C-alpha cells in the first residue's frame, strides 16, 4: 500500500510538480523506509545510488507520506559528528521536519550531507478519483 501511494504520487503531474519544488527530479532515486528502520541501513541504500535521493516514509499513526530530500556528501559542508549507530529513520525524520534542514553524517561517510524536509503534500480527493487523497 505504501509503495503504491508513493508510485501514485510520482505518477501524477501534480505530485511531480510539487516534489520538484523541493529538489526532486525525474529519475531521482526514492528509498522507502519504515519509522523503526535503522538510519544506517537506509542511508546505505541511499549511498548505493551515488547521487541525491528522496527518502519516503509513512507515518504509522496518520498514514501520511513524508519525504526528505538528501544531498550527496560534500567536502564543502561543515564536518559533523556521525549519527548514532542505533538511530532510527522515524527519529531522523522528526529532527529534519522540526529543523527544516539538517547537516548530518554517517560513520561510513568521509563528508557530511544535508537533509531537507519536504512539507506534506495534500489535495482534496475528488469524487471518482481517489488516487492518493492526503499524502
N, C-alpha and C. Protein backbone atom coordinates (compact mmCIF):
# COMPACT_ATOMS: atom_id res chain seq x y z
N UNK A 1 0.82 -1.20 0.00
CA UNK A 1 0.00 0.00 0.00
C UNK A 1 0.87 1.26 0.00
N UNK A 2 1.88 1.30 0.89
CA UNK A 2 2.78 2.44 1.00
C UNK A 2 3.50 2.70 -0.33
N UNK A 3 4.07 1.65 -0.91
CA UNK A 3 4.80 1.80 -2.17
C UNK A 3 3.87 2.26 -3.29
N UNK A 4 2.64 1.77 -3.30
CA UNK A 4 1.68 2.19 -4.32
C UNK A 4 1.34 3.67 -4.18
N UNK A 5 1.20 4.14 -2.95
CA UNK A 5 0.89 5.56 -2.73
C UNK A 5 2.04 6.45 -3.21
N UNK A 6 3.27 6.03 -2.95
CA UNK A 6 4.43 6.78 -3.43
C UNK A 6 4.44 6.77 -4.96
N UNK A 7 4.22 5.60 -5.56
CA UNK A 7 4.19 5.49 -7.02
C UNK A 7 3.07 6.35 -7.61
N UNK A 8 1.90 6.35 -6.97
CA UNK A 8 0.79 7.18 -7.45
C UNK A 8 1.14 8.66 -7.41
N UNK A 9 1.79 9.08 -6.32
CA UNK A 9 2.18 10.48 -6.21
C UNK A 9 3.18 10.84 -7.30
N UNK A 10 4.20 10.01 -7.47
CA UNK A 10 5.21 10.28 -8.50
C UNK A 10 4.66 10.12 -9.92
N UNK A 11 3.59 9.35 -10.04
CA UNK A 11 2.96 9.15 -11.34
C UNK A 11 2.00 10.25 -11.73
N UNK A 12 1.71 11.14 -10.80
CA UNK A 12 0.78 12.23 -11.11
C UNK A 12 1.55 13.51 -11.45
N UNK A 13 1.05 14.24 -12.39
CA UNK A 13 1.66 15.52 -12.77
C UNK A 13 1.72 16.45 -11.57
N UNK A 14 0.63 16.49 -10.82
CA UNK A 14 0.53 17.35 -9.65
C UNK A 14 1.59 16.98 -8.60
N UNK A 15 1.76 15.70 -8.34
CA UNK A 15 2.75 15.24 -7.37
C UNK A 15 4.17 15.53 -7.81
N UNK A 16 4.47 15.29 -9.08
CA UNK A 16 5.81 15.56 -9.60
C UNK A 16 6.13 17.05 -9.53
N UNK A 17 5.16 17.90 -9.89
CA UNK A 17 5.38 19.35 -9.83
C UNK A 17 5.65 19.78 -8.39
N UNK A 18 4.89 19.23 -7.47
CA UNK A 18 5.06 19.58 -6.07
C UNK A 18 6.46 19.18 -5.57
N UNK A 19 6.83 17.91 -5.77
CA UNK A 19 8.12 17.43 -5.29
C UNK A 19 9.29 18.13 -5.97
N UNK A 20 9.12 18.53 -7.23
CA UNK A 20 10.21 19.20 -7.94
C UNK A 20 10.52 20.56 -7.32
N UNK A 21 9.57 21.16 -6.63
CA UNK A 21 9.81 22.42 -5.93
C UNK A 21 10.80 22.24 -4.77
N UNK A 22 11.00 21.00 -4.35
CA UNK A 22 11.85 20.70 -3.21
C UNK A 22 13.06 19.85 -3.59
N UNK A 23 13.44 19.87 -4.87
CA UNK A 23 14.67 19.22 -5.29
C UNK A 23 14.52 17.90 -6.01
N UNK A 24 13.31 17.34 -6.06
CA UNK A 24 13.13 16.08 -6.78
C UNK A 24 13.26 16.34 -8.28
N UNK A 25 13.85 15.40 -8.99
CA UNK A 25 13.96 15.48 -10.45
C UNK A 25 13.64 14.10 -11.01
N UNK A 26 13.12 14.08 -12.23
CA UNK A 26 12.79 12.82 -12.91
C UNK A 26 13.99 11.88 -12.84
N UNK A 27 13.77 10.65 -12.45
CA UNK A 27 14.83 9.66 -12.36
C UNK A 27 15.57 9.63 -11.03
N UNK A 28 15.26 10.57 -10.13
CA UNK A 28 15.92 10.59 -8.82
C UNK A 28 15.50 9.36 -8.03
N UNK A 29 16.45 8.71 -7.39
CA UNK A 29 16.10 7.54 -6.58
C UNK A 29 15.17 7.91 -5.42
N UNK A 30 14.26 7.02 -5.11
CA UNK A 30 13.39 7.17 -3.95
C UNK A 30 13.57 5.91 -3.10
N UNK A 31 14.05 6.10 -1.89
CA UNK A 31 14.26 4.99 -0.96
C UNK A 31 13.11 5.01 0.03
N UNK A 32 12.41 3.90 0.15
CA UNK A 32 11.28 3.81 1.07
C UNK A 32 11.76 3.21 2.39
N UNK A 33 11.28 3.81 3.47
CA UNK A 33 11.74 3.38 4.79
C UNK A 33 10.59 3.32 5.77
N UNK A 34 10.78 2.54 6.82
CA UNK A 34 9.82 2.45 7.91
C UNK A 34 10.37 3.24 9.10
N UNK A 35 9.48 3.74 9.95
CA UNK A 35 9.90 4.56 11.08
C UNK A 35 10.89 3.85 12.00
N UNK A 36 10.74 2.54 12.15
CA UNK A 36 11.59 1.80 13.07
C UNK A 36 12.80 1.16 12.38
N UNK A 37 13.06 1.57 11.15
CA UNK A 37 14.20 1.03 10.40
C UNK A 37 15.48 1.77 10.78
N UNK A 38 16.58 1.08 10.70
CA UNK A 38 17.89 1.67 11.02
C UNK A 38 18.23 2.77 10.01
N UNK A 39 18.59 3.95 10.53
CA UNK A 39 19.01 5.05 9.66
C UNK A 39 20.25 4.65 8.88
N UNK A 40 21.14 3.93 9.52
CA UNK A 40 22.36 3.49 8.85
C UNK A 40 22.05 2.61 7.64
N UNK A 41 21.10 1.69 7.79
CA UNK A 41 20.72 0.82 6.67
C UNK A 41 20.11 1.62 5.53
N UNK A 42 19.23 2.56 5.86
CA UNK A 42 18.57 3.36 4.83
C UNK A 42 19.58 4.25 4.11
N UNK A 43 20.48 4.87 4.84
CA UNK A 43 21.49 5.72 4.20
C UNK A 43 22.47 4.88 3.39
N UNK A 44 22.65 3.63 3.78
CA UNK A 44 23.45 2.72 2.96
C UNK A 44 22.80 2.53 1.60
N UNK A 45 21.47 2.39 1.57
CA UNK A 45 20.75 2.28 0.30
C UNK A 45 20.84 3.57 -0.51
N UNK A 46 20.75 4.70 0.18
CA UNK A 46 20.91 6.00 -0.50
C UNK A 46 22.30 6.08 -1.12
N UNK A 47 23.31 5.66 -0.38
CA UNK A 47 24.70 5.73 -0.85
C UNK A 47 24.95 4.94 -2.13
N UNK A 48 24.25 3.83 -2.27
CA UNK A 48 24.42 2.98 -3.45
C UNK A 48 24.17 3.76 -4.74
N UNK A 49 23.26 4.71 -4.68
CA UNK A 49 22.90 5.48 -5.88
C UNK A 49 23.93 6.54 -6.23
N UNK A 50 24.72 7.00 -5.26
CA UNK A 50 25.78 7.97 -5.54
C UNK A 50 25.29 9.33 -5.98
N UNK A 51 24.07 9.67 -5.62
CA UNK A 51 23.51 10.97 -6.01
C UNK A 51 22.42 11.35 -5.02
N UNK A 52 21.91 12.55 -5.15
CA UNK A 52 20.82 12.99 -4.28
C UNK A 52 19.63 12.03 -4.41
N UNK A 53 18.87 11.90 -3.33
CA UNK A 53 17.74 10.97 -3.32
C UNK A 53 16.64 11.50 -2.42
N UNK A 54 15.46 10.94 -2.60
CA UNK A 54 14.36 11.18 -1.67
C UNK A 54 14.23 9.94 -0.79
N UNK A 55 13.92 10.18 0.47
CA UNK A 55 13.54 9.08 1.35
C UNK A 55 12.07 9.29 1.66
N UNK A 56 11.28 8.25 1.49
CA UNK A 56 9.85 8.30 1.75
C UNK A 56 9.55 7.44 2.97
N UNK A 57 8.65 7.95 3.80
CA UNK A 57 8.23 7.22 4.99
C UNK A 57 6.76 7.53 5.24
N UNK A 58 6.01 6.52 5.66
CA UNK A 58 4.61 6.74 6.03
C UNK A 58 4.53 6.82 7.55
N UNK A 59 3.82 7.82 8.04
CA UNK A 59 3.59 7.94 9.47
C UNK A 59 2.64 6.81 9.87
N UNK A 60 3.06 5.94 10.78
CA UNK A 60 2.22 4.78 11.12
C UNK A 60 0.90 5.16 11.81
N UNK A 61 0.84 6.33 12.42
CA UNK A 61 -0.38 6.75 13.11
C UNK A 61 -1.37 7.43 12.18
N UNK A 62 -0.86 8.32 11.30
CA UNK A 62 -1.75 9.10 10.42
C UNK A 62 -1.79 8.56 9.00
N UNK A 63 -0.82 7.72 8.65
CA UNK A 63 -0.64 7.17 7.30
C UNK A 63 -0.27 8.24 6.27
N UNK A 64 0.08 9.46 6.71
CA UNK A 64 0.55 10.49 5.79
C UNK A 64 1.93 10.09 5.27
N UNK A 65 2.18 10.43 4.00
CA UNK A 65 3.50 10.22 3.43
C UNK A 65 4.38 11.40 3.80
N UNK A 66 5.61 11.10 4.18
CA UNK A 66 6.60 12.13 4.49
C UNK A 66 7.81 11.88 3.60
N UNK A 67 8.41 12.97 3.13
CA UNK A 67 9.59 12.87 2.27
C UNK A 67 10.70 13.77 2.81
N UNK A 68 11.93 13.28 2.68
CA UNK A 68 13.11 14.07 2.98
C UNK A 68 14.01 13.97 1.75
N UNK A 69 14.52 15.12 1.31
CA UNK A 69 15.48 15.18 0.21
C UNK A 69 16.87 15.13 0.83
N UNK A 70 17.71 14.22 0.34
CA UNK A 70 19.06 14.04 0.88
C UNK A 70 20.06 14.34 -0.23
N UNK A 71 21.01 15.24 0.07
CA UNK A 71 22.05 15.57 -0.89
C UNK A 71 23.12 14.48 -0.89
N UNK A 72 24.15 14.69 -1.66
CA UNK A 72 25.30 13.79 -1.62
C UNK A 72 26.31 14.35 -0.62
N UNK A 73 27.17 13.50 -0.05
CA UNK A 73 28.21 14.01 0.84
C UNK A 73 29.09 15.01 0.09
N UNK A 74 29.49 16.07 0.81
CA UNK A 74 30.26 17.13 0.15
C UNK A 74 31.35 17.68 1.06
N UNK A 75 32.56 17.87 0.52
CA UNK A 75 33.65 18.42 1.32
C UNK A 75 33.44 19.89 1.69
N UNK A 76 32.51 20.58 1.06
CA UNK A 76 32.28 21.99 1.38
C UNK A 76 31.40 22.18 2.62
N UNK A 77 30.76 21.12 3.07
CA UNK A 77 29.92 21.21 4.27
C UNK A 77 30.76 21.06 5.53
N UNK A 78 30.30 21.70 6.60
CA UNK A 78 30.97 21.51 7.89
C UNK A 78 30.92 20.05 8.27
N UNK A 79 32.04 19.55 8.76
CA UNK A 79 32.04 18.16 9.22
C UNK A 79 31.33 18.09 10.57
N UNK A 80 30.39 17.18 10.66
CA UNK A 80 29.65 16.98 11.90
C UNK A 80 29.93 15.57 12.41
N UNK A 81 29.65 15.36 13.68
CA UNK A 81 29.83 14.03 14.26
C UNK A 81 28.89 13.05 13.57
N UNK A 82 29.31 11.80 13.42
CA UNK A 82 28.44 10.82 12.77
C UNK A 82 27.17 10.57 13.58
N UNK A 83 26.11 10.26 12.88
CA UNK A 83 24.85 9.88 13.53
C UNK A 83 25.07 8.61 14.33
N UNK A 84 24.30 8.46 15.37
CA UNK A 84 24.39 7.28 16.23
C UNK A 84 24.13 6.01 15.42
N UNK A 85 24.87 4.97 15.73
CA UNK A 85 24.71 3.69 15.03
C UNK A 85 23.33 3.09 15.24
N UNK A 86 22.66 3.45 16.34
CA UNK A 86 21.33 2.90 16.60
C UNK A 86 20.19 3.88 16.27
N UNK A 87 20.50 4.94 15.53
CA UNK A 87 19.47 5.93 15.15
C UNK A 87 18.44 5.28 14.23
N UNK A 88 17.19 5.69 14.40
CA UNK A 88 16.09 5.17 13.59
C UNK A 88 15.59 6.23 12.61
N UNK A 89 15.03 5.78 11.52
CA UNK A 89 14.52 6.68 10.49
C UNK A 89 13.45 7.62 11.04
N UNK A 90 12.55 7.10 11.86
CA UNK A 90 11.49 7.94 12.41
C UNK A 90 12.03 9.12 13.19
N UNK A 91 13.04 8.90 14.01
CA UNK A 91 13.67 9.98 14.78
C UNK A 91 14.37 10.97 13.86
N UNK A 92 15.02 10.46 12.82
CA UNK A 92 15.69 11.33 11.84
C UNK A 92 14.67 12.23 11.16
N UNK A 93 13.55 11.67 10.71
CA UNK A 93 12.51 12.46 10.06
C UNK A 93 11.97 13.53 11.02
N UNK A 94 11.75 13.16 12.28
CA UNK A 94 11.25 14.13 13.26
C UNK A 94 12.22 15.30 13.38
N UNK A 95 13.50 15.01 13.44
CA UNK A 95 14.51 16.08 13.55
C UNK A 95 14.52 16.96 12.31
N UNK A 96 14.54 16.33 11.15
CA UNK A 96 14.60 17.11 9.90
C UNK A 96 13.34 17.96 9.76
N UNK A 97 12.18 17.41 10.07
CA UNK A 97 10.94 18.18 9.96
C UNK A 97 10.89 19.31 10.98
N UNK A 98 11.45 19.11 12.15
CA UNK A 98 11.47 20.16 13.18
C UNK A 98 12.43 21.29 12.79
N UNK A 99 13.59 20.93 12.23
CA UNK A 99 14.63 21.92 11.92
C UNK A 99 14.62 22.37 10.45
N UNK A 100 13.83 21.76 9.60
CA UNK A 100 13.72 22.03 8.16
C UNK A 100 14.92 21.55 7.35
N UNK A 101 16.12 21.80 7.85
CA UNK A 101 17.33 21.38 7.14
C UNK A 101 18.35 20.93 8.19
N UNK A 102 18.95 19.76 7.95
CA UNK A 102 19.89 19.19 8.90
C UNK A 102 21.15 18.75 8.16
N UNK A 103 22.30 19.16 8.68
CA UNK A 103 23.57 18.63 8.19
C UNK A 103 23.89 17.42 9.05
N UNK A 104 24.20 16.30 8.43
CA UNK A 104 24.46 15.07 9.16
C UNK A 104 25.51 14.25 8.43
N UNK A 105 25.98 13.23 9.11
CA UNK A 105 26.99 12.35 8.50
C UNK A 105 26.83 10.96 9.09
N UNK A 106 26.99 9.98 8.25
CA UNK A 106 27.01 8.60 8.70
C UNK A 106 28.47 8.21 8.93
N UNK A 107 28.71 7.26 9.82
CA UNK A 107 30.07 6.88 10.19
C UNK A 107 30.89 6.41 8.99
N UNK A 108 30.24 5.83 8.00
CA UNK A 108 30.97 5.31 6.83
C UNK A 108 31.15 6.35 5.73
N UNK A 109 30.77 7.62 5.97
CA UNK A 109 30.98 8.70 5.00
C UNK A 109 32.10 9.60 5.48
N UNK A 110 32.93 10.02 4.55
CA UNK A 110 34.01 10.95 4.87
C UNK A 110 33.46 12.35 5.10
N UNK A 111 32.43 12.72 4.33
CA UNK A 111 31.89 14.07 4.39
C UNK A 111 30.44 14.09 4.88
N UNK A 112 30.02 15.25 5.32
CA UNK A 112 28.63 15.46 5.75
C UNK A 112 27.74 15.66 4.53
N UNK A 113 26.45 15.58 4.76
CA UNK A 113 25.47 15.91 3.73
C UNK A 113 24.28 16.60 4.37
N UNK A 114 23.37 17.08 3.54
CA UNK A 114 22.23 17.86 4.03
C UNK A 114 20.93 17.12 3.71
N UNK A 115 20.04 17.14 4.70
CA UNK A 115 18.68 16.60 4.51
C UNK A 115 17.70 17.75 4.67
N UNK A 116 16.77 17.86 3.73
CA UNK A 116 15.74 18.89 3.76
C UNK A 116 14.38 18.25 3.86
N UNK A 117 13.56 18.78 4.76
CA UNK A 117 12.19 18.28 4.90
C UNK A 117 11.35 18.80 3.74
N UNK A 118 10.49 17.96 3.22
CA UNK A 118 9.52 18.36 2.20
C UNK A 118 8.17 18.40 2.89
N UNK A 119 7.52 19.57 2.89
CA UNK A 119 6.21 19.66 3.54
C UNK A 119 5.24 18.62 2.98
N UNK A 120 4.36 18.13 3.84
CA UNK A 120 3.39 17.11 3.45
C UNK A 120 2.51 17.63 2.32
N UNK A 121 2.42 16.85 1.27
CA UNK A 121 1.58 17.18 0.12
C UNK A 121 0.17 16.73 0.41
N UNK A 122 -0.80 17.59 0.14
CA UNK A 122 -2.20 17.17 0.28
C UNK A 122 -3.03 17.87 -0.76
N UNK A 123 -4.02 17.17 -1.18
CA UNK A 123 -5.02 17.73 -2.10
C UNK A 123 -6.32 17.00 -1.83
N UNK A 124 -7.42 17.68 -2.02
CA UNK A 124 -8.70 17.01 -1.78
C UNK A 124 -8.95 15.91 -2.80
N UNK A 125 -9.57 14.84 -2.36
CA UNK A 125 -9.95 13.77 -3.27
C UNK A 125 -11.26 14.18 -3.93
N UNK A 126 -11.27 14.16 -5.24
CA UNK A 126 -12.48 14.50 -5.97
C UNK A 126 -13.27 13.23 -6.19
N UNK A 127 -14.57 13.37 -6.28
CA UNK A 127 -15.45 12.20 -6.48
C UNK A 127 -14.97 11.37 -7.66
N UNK A 128 -14.83 10.08 -7.45
CA UNK A 128 -14.45 9.17 -8.51
C UNK A 128 -12.96 9.12 -8.77
N UNK A 129 -12.15 9.93 -8.06
CA UNK A 129 -10.73 9.97 -8.33
C UNK A 129 -9.98 9.07 -7.36
N UNK A 130 -9.84 9.50 -6.12
CA UNK A 130 -9.26 8.69 -5.07
C UNK A 130 -7.87 8.15 -5.27
N UNK A 131 -7.00 8.83 -5.99
CA UNK A 131 -5.66 8.30 -6.22
C UNK A 131 -4.87 8.27 -4.93
N UNK A 132 -4.72 9.41 -4.27
CA UNK A 132 -3.92 9.41 -3.05
C UNK A 132 -4.43 10.34 -1.98
N UNK A 133 -5.46 11.09 -2.23
CA UNK A 133 -6.05 11.93 -1.19
C UNK A 133 -5.00 12.74 -0.47
N UNK A 134 -5.02 12.70 0.85
CA UNK A 134 -3.99 13.39 1.61
C UNK A 134 -2.77 12.49 1.65
N UNK A 135 -1.67 13.03 1.18
CA UNK A 135 -0.45 12.25 1.08
C UNK A 135 0.60 12.86 1.96
